[in-house]
Amino acid sequence: MERILVVGATGAGKSTLARGVSERLKLPYHEMDALYFTGPDWAVNEALTDDVLRLTAEPRWIVDSIGSPEVRDLLWEKADTVLWLDYGRRVIMPRVLRRSLWRTVTRERIFGGNRETWAGWLSREHPAWWAWSQHAGRRREIERRTNDPRFAPLTALRFAHPRDTAAWLASQG
């Protein structure tokens, strides 16, 4: 495990797991949302592909995302391991709701200096709406990719429950 993708639905805990694995295995951690959103008003990084090419050229890394469409295949082709947090909506929805409520109330700055807002809760792009609406599609996409012969060299570890993930992480040293 030298080049790892942590994948799953919004709210599954990808960033938390990636940070934990990064610490245990001493891998450089890259947060995809921070690479993708680089400025005010959720400005998108125009150099994303170049940035991802640069980071995946390194021998060791961990990224907390399936990857946005423009870099998805690149990430999957360069990774040697996929950690899939395949949790149901019953697990992820309370998590994403708590996180978004916290960020909204505290006005916490996130990617590119942006903040979640009360008005944002009405948008289909809000993490809560996104998590609900994209859950089944994301699961199908990850399933397809883990079975795709192009990515056959990948080791894919699929975790169906947070306790399984926690036990695996504890075993990593």
N, C-alpha and C. Protein backbone atom coordinates (compact mmCIF):
# COMPACT_ATOMS: atom_id res chain seq x y z
N MET A 1 0.84 -1.18 0.00
CA MET A 1 0.00 0.00 0.00
C MET A 1 0.89 1.24 0.00
N GLU A 2 1.09 1.76 -1.19
CA GLU A 2 1.92 2.95 -1.36
C GLU A 2 1.16 4.11 -1.98
N ARG A 3 0.15 3.77 -2.81
CA ARG A 3 -0.65 4.77 -3.54
C ARG A 3 -2.12 4.36 -3.35
N ILE A 4 -2.78 5.07 -2.45
CA ILE A 4 -4.09 4.63 -1.97
C ILE A 4 -5.18 5.65 -2.28
N LEU A 5 -6.32 5.13 -2.74
CA LEU A 5 -7.55 5.92 -2.86
C LEU A 5 -8.50 5.46 -1.77
N VAL A 6 -9.10 6.42 -1.08
CA VAL A 6 -10.15 6.11 -0.11
C VAL A 6 -11.44 6.61 -0.75
N VAL A 7 -12.36 5.69 -1.03
CA VAL A 7 -13.56 6.04 -1.78
C VAL A 7 -14.82 5.70 -0.99
N GLY A 8 -15.92 6.31 -1.40
CA GLY A 8 -17.21 6.07 -0.77
C GLY A 8 -18.09 7.29 -0.98
N ALA A 9 -19.28 7.22 -0.44
CA ALA A 9 -20.25 8.30 -0.58
C ALA A 9 -19.83 9.50 0.27
N THR A 10 -20.38 10.65 -0.07
CA THR A 10 -20.20 11.85 0.75
C THR A 10 -20.65 11.54 2.17
N GLY A 11 -19.82 11.86 3.14
CA GLY A 11 -20.16 11.64 4.54
C GLY A 11 -19.74 10.30 5.10
N ALA A 12 -19.12 9.46 4.29
CA ALA A 12 -18.74 8.12 4.77
C ALA A 12 -17.57 8.16 5.74
N GLY A 13 -16.74 9.19 5.65
CA GLY A 13 -15.57 9.27 6.52
C GLY A 13 -14.27 9.08 5.77
N LYS A 14 -14.27 9.38 4.48
CA LYS A 14 -13.09 9.19 3.64
C LYS A 14 -11.89 10.00 4.15
N SER A 15 -12.12 11.27 4.44
CA SER A 15 -11.01 12.13 4.90
C SER A 15 -10.47 11.65 6.24
N THR A 16 -11.34 11.27 7.12
CA THR A 16 -10.91 10.79 8.44
C THR A 16 -10.07 9.53 8.30
N LEU A 17 -10.53 8.59 7.49
CA LEU A 17 -9.76 7.36 7.29
C LEU A 17 -8.44 7.66 6.59
N ALA A 18 -8.48 8.51 5.57
CA ALA A 18 -7.24 8.83 4.84
C ALA A 18 -6.21 9.47 5.77
N ARG A 19 -6.65 10.36 6.64
CA ARG A 19 -5.71 10.96 7.60
C ARG A 19 -5.13 9.89 8.53
N GLY A 20 -5.97 8.99 9.00
CA GLY A 20 -5.50 7.92 9.89
C GLY A 20 -4.50 7.00 9.21
N VAL A 21 -4.79 6.60 7.99
CA VAL A 21 -3.87 5.74 7.24
C VAL A 21 -2.58 6.50 6.94
N SER A 22 -2.72 7.76 6.58
CA SER A 22 -1.55 8.60 6.30
C SER A 22 -0.60 8.64 7.49
N GLU A 23 -1.15 8.83 8.68
CA GLU A 23 -0.33 8.87 9.90
C GLU A 23 0.35 7.53 10.16
N ARG A 24 -0.41 6.45 10.05
CA ARG A 24 0.15 5.12 10.36
C ARG A 24 1.20 4.68 9.35
N LEU A 25 0.95 4.95 8.06
CA LEU A 25 1.86 4.48 7.02
C LEU A 25 2.83 5.54 6.54
N LYS A 26 2.75 6.72 7.14
CA LYS A 26 3.64 7.84 6.77
C LYS A 26 3.53 8.17 5.27
N LEU A 27 2.29 8.24 4.79
CA LEU A 27 2.02 8.58 3.39
C LEU A 27 1.58 10.04 3.30
N PRO A 28 2.02 10.76 2.29
CA PRO A 28 1.51 12.12 2.08
C PRO A 28 0.01 12.08 1.76
N TYR A 29 -0.77 12.85 2.51
CA TYR A 29 -2.23 12.87 2.35
C TYR A 29 -2.64 14.08 1.53
N HIS A 30 -3.53 13.83 0.56
CA HIS A 30 -4.06 14.89 -0.30
C HIS A 30 -5.58 14.85 -0.24
N GLU A 31 -6.17 15.96 0.19
CA GLU A 31 -7.63 16.08 0.29
C GLU A 31 -8.17 16.58 -1.05
N MET A 32 -8.95 15.76 -1.72
CA MET A 32 -9.42 16.10 -3.07
C MET A 32 -10.24 17.38 -3.09
N ASP A 33 -11.11 17.58 -2.12
CA ASP A 33 -11.92 18.81 -2.13
C ASP A 33 -11.04 20.05 -2.03
N ALA A 34 -9.95 19.96 -1.27
CA ALA A 34 -9.03 21.10 -1.16
C ALA A 34 -8.25 21.31 -2.46
N LEU A 35 -7.99 20.24 -3.20
CA LEU A 35 -7.35 20.37 -4.51
C LEU A 35 -8.33 20.93 -5.54
N TYR A 36 -9.59 20.55 -5.43
CA TYR A 36 -10.61 20.90 -6.41
C TYR A 36 -11.13 22.33 -6.24
N PHE A 37 -11.50 22.69 -4.99
CA PHE A 37 -12.02 24.02 -4.71
C PHE A 37 -10.89 24.90 -4.20
N THR A 38 -10.55 25.92 -4.97
CA THR A 38 -9.34 26.69 -4.64
C THR A 38 -9.58 28.16 -4.34
N GLY A 39 -10.81 28.61 -4.37
CA GLY A 39 -11.02 30.03 -4.12
C GLY A 39 -12.44 30.34 -3.71
N PRO A 40 -12.69 31.64 -3.50
CA PRO A 40 -14.01 32.09 -3.08
C PRO A 40 -15.09 31.66 -4.07
N ASP A 41 -16.32 31.57 -3.55
CA ASP A 41 -17.48 31.18 -4.36
C ASP A 41 -17.28 29.82 -5.01
N TRP A 42 -16.57 28.94 -4.31
CA TRP A 42 -16.36 27.57 -4.74
C TRP A 42 -15.67 27.50 -6.10
N ALA A 43 -14.70 28.39 -6.30
CA ALA A 43 -13.94 28.40 -7.55
C ALA A 43 -13.22 27.06 -7.71
N VAL A 44 -13.26 26.55 -8.93
CA VAL A 44 -12.66 25.25 -9.25
C VAL A 44 -11.24 25.46 -9.76
N ASN A 45 -10.36 24.59 -9.34
CA ASN A 45 -8.96 24.62 -9.72
C ASN A 45 -8.79 24.31 -11.21
N GLU A 46 -8.37 25.29 -11.96
CA GLU A 46 -8.19 25.09 -13.40
C GLU A 46 -6.96 24.24 -13.71
N ALA A 47 -6.08 24.09 -12.74
CA ALA A 47 -4.87 23.28 -12.92
C ALA A 47 -5.00 21.91 -12.23
N LEU A 48 -6.23 21.47 -11.98
CA LEU A 48 -6.46 20.23 -11.24
C LEU A 48 -5.74 19.04 -11.88
N THR A 49 -5.88 18.87 -13.17
CA THR A 49 -5.25 17.72 -13.83
C THR A 49 -3.74 17.76 -13.65
N ASP A 50 -3.15 18.93 -13.83
CA ASP A 50 -1.70 19.06 -13.64
C ASP A 50 -1.31 18.76 -12.19
N ASP A 51 -2.10 19.26 -11.25
CA ASP A 51 -1.81 19.02 -9.83
C ASP A 51 -1.90 17.53 -9.50
N VAL A 52 -2.91 16.86 -10.04
CA VAL A 52 -3.08 15.43 -9.78
C VAL A 52 -1.99 14.62 -10.49
N LEU A 53 -1.62 15.03 -11.69
CA LEU A 53 -0.50 14.36 -12.37
C LEU A 53 0.77 14.46 -11.54
N ARG A 54 1.01 15.62 -10.97
CA ARG A 54 2.20 15.85 -10.16
C ARG A 54 2.18 14.98 -8.90
N LEU A 55 1.06 14.95 -8.21
CA LEU A 55 1.02 14.19 -6.95
C LEU A 55 1.04 12.69 -7.21
N THR A 56 0.41 12.23 -8.30
CA THR A 56 0.42 10.78 -8.58
C THR A 56 1.73 10.31 -9.18
N ALA A 57 2.59 11.23 -9.59
CA ALA A 57 3.92 10.85 -10.06
C ALA A 57 4.83 10.49 -8.89
N GLU A 58 4.43 10.89 -7.70
CA GLU A 58 5.20 10.56 -6.50
C GLU A 58 5.03 9.08 -6.17
N PRO A 59 6.01 8.47 -5.51
CA PRO A 59 5.92 7.03 -5.23
C PRO A 59 4.92 6.66 -4.14
N ARG A 60 4.57 7.62 -3.27
CA ARG A 60 3.70 7.31 -2.14
C ARG A 60 2.71 8.44 -1.93
N TRP A 61 1.42 8.09 -1.76
CA TRP A 61 0.40 9.10 -1.51
C TRP A 61 -0.92 8.42 -1.11
N ILE A 62 -1.80 9.23 -0.54
CA ILE A 62 -3.17 8.79 -0.27
C ILE A 62 -4.09 9.96 -0.59
N VAL A 63 -5.19 9.65 -1.30
CA VAL A 63 -6.17 10.65 -1.72
C VAL A 63 -7.54 10.17 -1.24
N ASP A 64 -8.33 11.10 -0.74
CA ASP A 64 -9.64 10.77 -0.15
C ASP A 64 -10.80 10.98 -1.12
N SER A 65 -10.75 10.34 -2.28
CA SER A 65 -11.81 10.56 -3.25
C SER A 65 -11.75 9.55 -4.38
N ILE A 66 -12.92 9.29 -4.96
CA ILE A 66 -12.99 8.53 -6.21
C ILE A 66 -12.36 9.35 -7.32
N GLY A 67 -12.31 10.67 -7.13
CA GLY A 67 -11.75 11.59 -8.12
C GLY A 67 -12.85 12.25 -8.93
N SER A 68 -12.69 13.53 -9.19
CA SER A 68 -13.64 14.22 -10.06
C SER A 68 -13.48 13.64 -11.46
N PRO A 69 -14.50 13.77 -12.31
CA PRO A 69 -14.46 13.10 -13.62
C PRO A 69 -13.19 13.35 -14.44
N GLU A 70 -12.66 14.56 -14.39
CA GLU A 70 -11.50 14.86 -15.22
C GLU A 70 -10.21 14.18 -14.76
N VAL A 71 -10.16 13.70 -13.52
CA VAL A 71 -8.95 13.03 -13.03
C VAL A 71 -9.22 11.62 -12.50
N ARG A 72 -10.44 11.17 -12.61
CA ARG A 72 -10.82 9.87 -12.03
C ARG A 72 -9.98 8.73 -12.58
N ASP A 73 -9.92 8.58 -13.89
CA ASP A 73 -9.15 7.46 -14.46
C ASP A 73 -7.68 7.56 -14.10
N LEU A 74 -7.14 8.76 -14.11
CA LEU A 74 -5.74 8.96 -13.74
C LEU A 74 -5.47 8.44 -12.34
N LEU A 75 -6.29 8.81 -11.38
CA LEU A 75 -6.11 8.34 -10.01
C LEU A 75 -6.21 6.82 -9.92
N TRP A 76 -7.21 6.25 -10.56
CA TRP A 76 -7.43 4.81 -10.49
C TRP A 76 -6.32 4.04 -11.18
N GLU A 77 -5.78 4.59 -12.24
CA GLU A 77 -4.68 3.91 -12.94
C GLU A 77 -3.38 3.96 -12.15
N LYS A 78 -3.18 4.99 -11.36
CA LYS A 78 -1.93 5.15 -10.60
C LYS A 78 -1.98 4.50 -9.22
N ALA A 79 -3.17 4.30 -8.69
CA ALA A 79 -3.31 3.74 -7.34
C ALA A 79 -2.94 2.26 -7.33
N ASP A 80 -2.49 1.79 -6.17
CA ASP A 80 -2.29 0.35 -6.01
C ASP A 80 -3.32 -0.26 -5.05
N THR A 81 -4.01 0.60 -4.29
CA THR A 81 -4.98 0.12 -3.30
C THR A 81 -6.18 1.06 -3.27
N VAL A 82 -7.36 0.46 -3.14
CA VAL A 82 -8.60 1.22 -2.94
C VAL A 82 -9.21 0.75 -1.62
N LEU A 83 -9.47 1.70 -0.75
CA LEU A 83 -10.19 1.43 0.50
C LEU A 83 -11.60 1.98 0.30
N TRP A 84 -12.59 1.09 0.24
CA TRP A 84 -13.95 1.48 -0.09
C TRP A 84 -14.82 1.46 1.16
N LEU A 85 -15.29 2.64 1.56
CA LEU A 85 -16.22 2.76 2.66
C LEU A 85 -17.63 2.63 2.08
N ASP A 86 -18.12 1.41 2.03
CA ASP A 86 -19.41 1.10 1.40
C ASP A 86 -20.51 1.07 2.45
N TYR A 87 -20.80 2.24 2.99
CA TYR A 87 -21.79 2.36 4.06
C TYR A 87 -23.14 2.79 3.49
N GLY A 88 -24.18 2.31 4.13
CA GLY A 88 -25.53 2.68 3.74
C GLY A 88 -25.89 4.11 4.15
N ARG A 89 -26.99 4.56 3.63
CA ARG A 89 -27.47 5.92 3.95
C ARG A 89 -27.72 6.09 5.45
N ARG A 90 -28.10 5.01 6.13
CA ARG A 90 -28.35 5.09 7.58
C ARG A 90 -27.10 5.50 8.35
N VAL A 91 -25.94 5.19 7.79
CA VAL A 91 -24.68 5.57 8.42
C VAL A 91 -24.25 6.97 7.97
N ILE A 92 -24.30 7.21 6.67
CA ILE A 92 -23.71 8.46 6.17
C ILE A 92 -24.58 9.69 6.40
N MET A 93 -25.89 9.55 6.32
CA MET A 93 -26.72 10.76 6.42
C MET A 93 -26.61 11.46 7.78
N PRO A 94 -26.66 10.75 8.90
CA PRO A 94 -26.46 11.47 10.16
C PRO A 94 -25.09 12.15 10.23
N ARG A 95 -24.07 11.50 9.67
CA ARG A 95 -22.73 12.08 9.69
C ARG A 95 -22.67 13.37 8.88
N VAL A 96 -23.19 13.33 7.65
CA VAL A 96 -23.09 14.51 6.80
C VAL A 96 -23.98 15.63 7.34
N LEU A 97 -25.12 15.30 7.92
CA LEU A 97 -25.98 16.33 8.51
C LEU A 97 -25.30 17.00 9.70
N ARG A 98 -24.70 16.20 10.60
CA ARG A 98 -23.99 16.78 11.76
C ARG A 98 -22.84 17.66 11.30
N ARG A 99 -22.05 17.18 10.34
CA ARG A 99 -20.89 17.94 9.86
C ARG A 99 -21.34 19.25 9.22
N SER A 100 -22.35 19.20 8.37
CA SER A 100 -22.81 20.42 7.70
C SER A 100 -23.45 21.39 8.69
N LEU A 101 -24.20 20.88 9.64
CA LEU A 101 -24.79 21.76 10.65
C LEU A 101 -23.68 22.45 11.44
N TRP A 102 -22.68 21.69 11.86
CA TRP A 102 -21.55 22.26 12.59
C TRP A 102 -20.85 23.35 11.77
N ARG A 103 -20.56 23.04 10.53
CA ARG A 103 -19.86 24.00 9.67
C ARG A 103 -20.71 25.26 9.44
N THR A 104 -22.01 25.09 9.33
CA THR A 104 -22.88 26.24 9.11
C THR A 104 -22.95 27.11 10.36
N VAL A 105 -23.16 26.49 11.51
CA VAL A 105 -23.29 27.24 12.76
C VAL A 105 -21.98 27.95 13.12
N THR A 106 -20.86 27.26 12.98
CA THR A 106 -19.57 27.84 13.39
C THR A 106 -18.94 28.70 12.30
N ARG A 107 -19.52 28.66 11.09
CA ARG A 107 -18.98 29.40 9.94
C ARG A 107 -17.53 28.99 9.65
N GLU A 108 -17.26 27.71 9.88
CA GLU A 108 -15.94 27.14 9.64
C GLU A 108 -15.54 27.34 8.18
N ARG A 109 -14.31 27.80 8.00
CA ARG A 109 -13.78 27.94 6.65
C ARG A 109 -13.32 26.56 6.17
N ILE A 110 -13.74 26.24 4.95
CA ILE A 110 -13.31 24.99 4.34
C ILE A 110 -12.72 25.33 2.97
N PHE A 111 -12.59 24.40 2.13
CA PHE A 111 -11.91 24.45 0.84
C PHE A 111 -11.97 25.82 0.16
N GLY A 112 -10.79 26.36 -0.12
CA GLY A 112 -10.69 27.64 -0.81
C GLY A 112 -11.19 28.81 0.01
N GLY A 113 -11.32 28.63 1.32
CA GLY A 113 -11.81 29.70 2.18
C GLY A 113 -13.32 29.83 2.19
N ASN A 114 -14.03 28.89 1.60
CA ASN A 114 -15.49 28.93 1.54
C ASN A 114 -16.11 28.45 2.84
N ARG A 115 -17.40 28.74 2.95
CA ARG A 115 -18.18 28.32 4.13
C ARG A 115 -19.50 27.73 3.68
N GLU A 116 -20.01 26.79 4.48
CA GLU A 116 -21.38 26.33 4.27
C GLU A 116 -22.30 27.38 4.90
N THR A 117 -23.42 27.66 4.23
CA THR A 117 -24.35 28.69 4.70
C THR A 117 -25.75 28.10 4.86
N TRP A 118 -26.59 28.84 5.58
CA TRP A 118 -27.98 28.42 5.72
C TRP A 118 -28.66 28.39 4.36
N ALA A 119 -28.42 29.37 3.53
CA ALA A 119 -29.01 29.39 2.18
C ALA A 119 -28.54 28.21 1.36
N GLY A 120 -27.31 27.79 1.58
CA GLY A 120 -26.76 26.65 0.85
C GLY A 120 -27.53 25.36 1.07
N TRP A 121 -28.19 25.25 2.22
CA TRP A 121 -28.96 24.04 2.52
C TRP A 121 -30.10 23.83 1.51
N LEU A 122 -30.50 24.88 0.82
CA LEU A 122 -31.59 24.78 -0.15
C LEU A 122 -31.11 24.34 -1.53
N SER A 123 -29.81 24.29 -1.73
CA SER A 123 -29.23 23.95 -3.01
C SER A 123 -29.06 22.44 -3.17
N ARG A 124 -29.26 21.94 -4.37
CA ARG A 124 -29.04 20.53 -4.67
C ARG A 124 -27.55 20.18 -4.61
N GLU A 125 -26.69 21.19 -4.54
CA GLU A 125 -25.25 20.98 -4.43
C GLU A 125 -24.80 20.86 -2.97
N HIS A 126 -25.70 21.14 -2.03
CA HIS A 126 -25.35 21.04 -0.61
C HIS A 126 -24.95 19.60 -0.28
N PRO A 127 -23.96 19.42 0.60
CA PRO A 127 -23.51 18.06 0.93
C PRO A 127 -24.63 17.09 1.35
N ALA A 128 -25.63 17.57 2.08
CA ALA A 128 -26.71 16.68 2.51
C ALA A 128 -27.53 16.20 1.31
N TRP A 129 -27.91 17.12 0.45
CA TRP A 129 -28.63 16.73 -0.76
C TRP A 129 -27.76 15.84 -1.65
N TRP A 130 -26.51 16.25 -1.79
CA TRP A 130 -25.58 15.51 -2.64
C TRP A 130 -25.40 14.07 -2.13
N ALA A 131 -25.20 13.92 -0.83
CA ALA A 131 -25.01 12.59 -0.24
C ALA A 131 -26.21 11.69 -0.51
N TRP A 132 -27.40 12.25 -0.34
CA TRP A 132 -28.61 11.46 -0.54
C TRP A 132 -28.78 11.08 -2.01
N SER A 133 -28.68 12.06 -2.90
CA SER A 133 -28.98 11.83 -4.31
C SER A 133 -27.90 11.04 -5.05
N GLN A 134 -26.65 11.14 -4.61
CA GLN A 134 -25.55 10.50 -5.32
C GLN A 134 -25.16 9.14 -4.74
N HIS A 135 -25.77 8.74 -3.64
CA HIS A 135 -25.36 7.53 -2.93
C HIS A 135 -25.38 6.29 -3.82
N ALA A 136 -26.51 5.99 -4.44
CA ALA A 136 -26.63 4.77 -5.25
C ALA A 136 -25.72 4.82 -6.48
N GLY A 137 -25.67 5.96 -7.13
CA GLY A 137 -24.82 6.09 -8.31
C GLY A 137 -23.35 5.95 -7.99
N ARG A 138 -22.93 6.53 -6.87
CA ARG A 138 -21.53 6.42 -6.46
C ARG A 138 -21.18 4.97 -6.16
N ARG A 139 -22.08 4.28 -5.50
CA ARG A 139 -21.86 2.86 -5.18
C ARG A 139 -21.70 2.04 -6.46
N ARG A 140 -22.58 2.28 -7.43
CA ARG A 140 -22.49 1.55 -8.71
C ARG A 140 -21.16 1.86 -9.42
N GLU A 141 -20.76 3.13 -9.41
CA GLU A 141 -19.51 3.53 -10.07
C GLU A 141 -18.30 2.85 -9.43
N ILE A 142 -18.26 2.81 -8.12
CA ILE A 142 -17.13 2.18 -7.43
C ILE A 142 -17.14 0.67 -7.68
N GLU A 143 -18.31 0.07 -7.63
CA GLU A 143 -18.44 -1.37 -7.91
C GLU A 143 -17.92 -1.67 -9.31
N ARG A 144 -18.34 -0.88 -10.28
CA ARG A 144 -17.90 -1.08 -11.66
C ARG A 144 -16.39 -0.96 -11.77
N ARG A 145 -15.82 0.06 -11.14
CA ARG A 145 -14.38 0.27 -11.22
C ARG A 145 -13.59 -0.83 -10.52
N THR A 146 -14.07 -1.31 -9.39
CA THR A 146 -13.32 -2.37 -8.71
C THR A 146 -13.36 -3.68 -9.48
N ASN A 147 -14.33 -3.82 -10.39
CA ASN A 147 -14.42 -5.02 -11.23
C ASN A 147 -13.90 -4.82 -12.65
N ASP A 148 -13.45 -3.62 -12.96
CA ASP A 148 -12.99 -3.29 -14.31
C ASP A 148 -11.59 -3.87 -14.53
N PRO A 149 -11.38 -4.65 -15.60
CA PRO A 149 -10.06 -5.23 -15.87
C PRO A 149 -8.94 -4.20 -15.99
N ARG A 150 -9.27 -2.97 -16.40
CA ARG A 150 -8.23 -1.93 -16.48
C ARG A 150 -7.59 -1.68 -15.13
N PHE A 151 -8.35 -1.89 -14.07
CA PHE A 151 -7.85 -1.60 -12.73
C PHE A 151 -7.59 -2.88 -11.95
N ALA A 152 -7.47 -4.01 -12.64
CA ALA A 152 -7.27 -5.31 -11.99
C ALA A 152 -6.06 -5.37 -11.06
N PRO A 153 -4.98 -4.65 -11.35
CA PRO A 153 -3.85 -4.73 -10.41
C PRO A 153 -4.16 -4.14 -9.02
N LEU A 154 -5.24 -3.38 -8.91
CA LEU A 154 -5.58 -2.76 -7.63
C LEU A 154 -5.98 -3.80 -6.59
N THR A 155 -5.57 -3.57 -5.36
CA THR A 155 -6.11 -4.30 -4.23
C THR A 155 -7.27 -3.47 -3.72
N ALA A 156 -8.46 -4.04 -3.68
CA ALA A 156 -9.64 -3.32 -3.20
C ALA A 156 -10.12 -3.94 -1.90
N LEU A 157 -10.17 -3.11 -0.86
CA LEU A 157 -10.70 -3.54 0.43
C LEU A 157 -12.02 -2.81 0.64
N ARG A 158 -13.09 -3.59 0.83
CA ARG A 158 -14.44 -3.03 0.93
C ARG A 158 -14.93 -3.21 2.36
N PHE A 159 -15.29 -2.08 2.97
CA PHE A 159 -15.76 -2.09 4.35
C PHE A 159 -17.25 -1.73 4.38
N ALA A 160 -18.06 -2.62 4.93
CA ALA A 160 -19.51 -2.42 4.93
C ALA A 160 -20.01 -1.69 6.17
N HIS A 161 -19.17 -1.58 7.19
CA HIS A 161 -19.60 -0.94 8.44
C HIS A 161 -18.40 -0.23 9.08
N PRO A 162 -18.66 0.89 9.74
CA PRO A 162 -17.54 1.61 10.39
C PRO A 162 -16.73 0.76 11.36
N ARG A 163 -17.34 -0.19 12.03
CA ARG A 163 -16.57 -1.03 12.97
C ARG A 163 -15.55 -1.90 12.23
N ASP A 164 -15.90 -2.32 11.00
CA ASP A 164 -14.97 -3.10 10.18
C ASP A 164 -13.78 -2.23 9.79
N THR A 165 -14.07 -1.01 9.43
CA THR A 165 -13.01 -0.06 9.04
C THR A 165 -12.10 0.22 10.23
N ALA A 166 -12.70 0.46 11.39
CA ALA A 166 -11.92 0.76 12.59
C ALA A 166 -11.02 -0.42 12.97
N ALA A 167 -11.54 -1.64 12.86
CA ALA A 167 -10.74 -2.82 13.18
C ALA A 167 -9.57 -2.96 12.20
N TRP A 168 -9.84 -2.73 10.92
CA TRP A 168 -8.76 -2.80 9.93
C TRP A 168 -7.70 -1.74 10.21
N LEU A 169 -8.13 -0.52 10.47
CA LEU A 169 -7.18 0.57 10.72
C LEU A 169 -6.33 0.27 11.95
N ALA A 170 -6.95 -0.26 13.00
CA ALA A 170 -6.21 -0.61 14.21
C ALA A 170 -5.14 -1.67 13.91
N SER A 171 -5.42 -2.54 12.95
CA SER A 171 -4.46 -3.60 12.62
C SER A 171 -3.28 -3.09 11.80
N GLN A 172 -3.34 -1.84 11.37
CA GLN A 172 -2.29 -1.29 10.51
C GLN A 172 -1.11 -0.72 11.30
N GLY A 173 -1.13 -0.89 12.58
CA GLY A 173 0.06 -0.56 13.34
C GLY A 173 -0.01 0.66 14.14
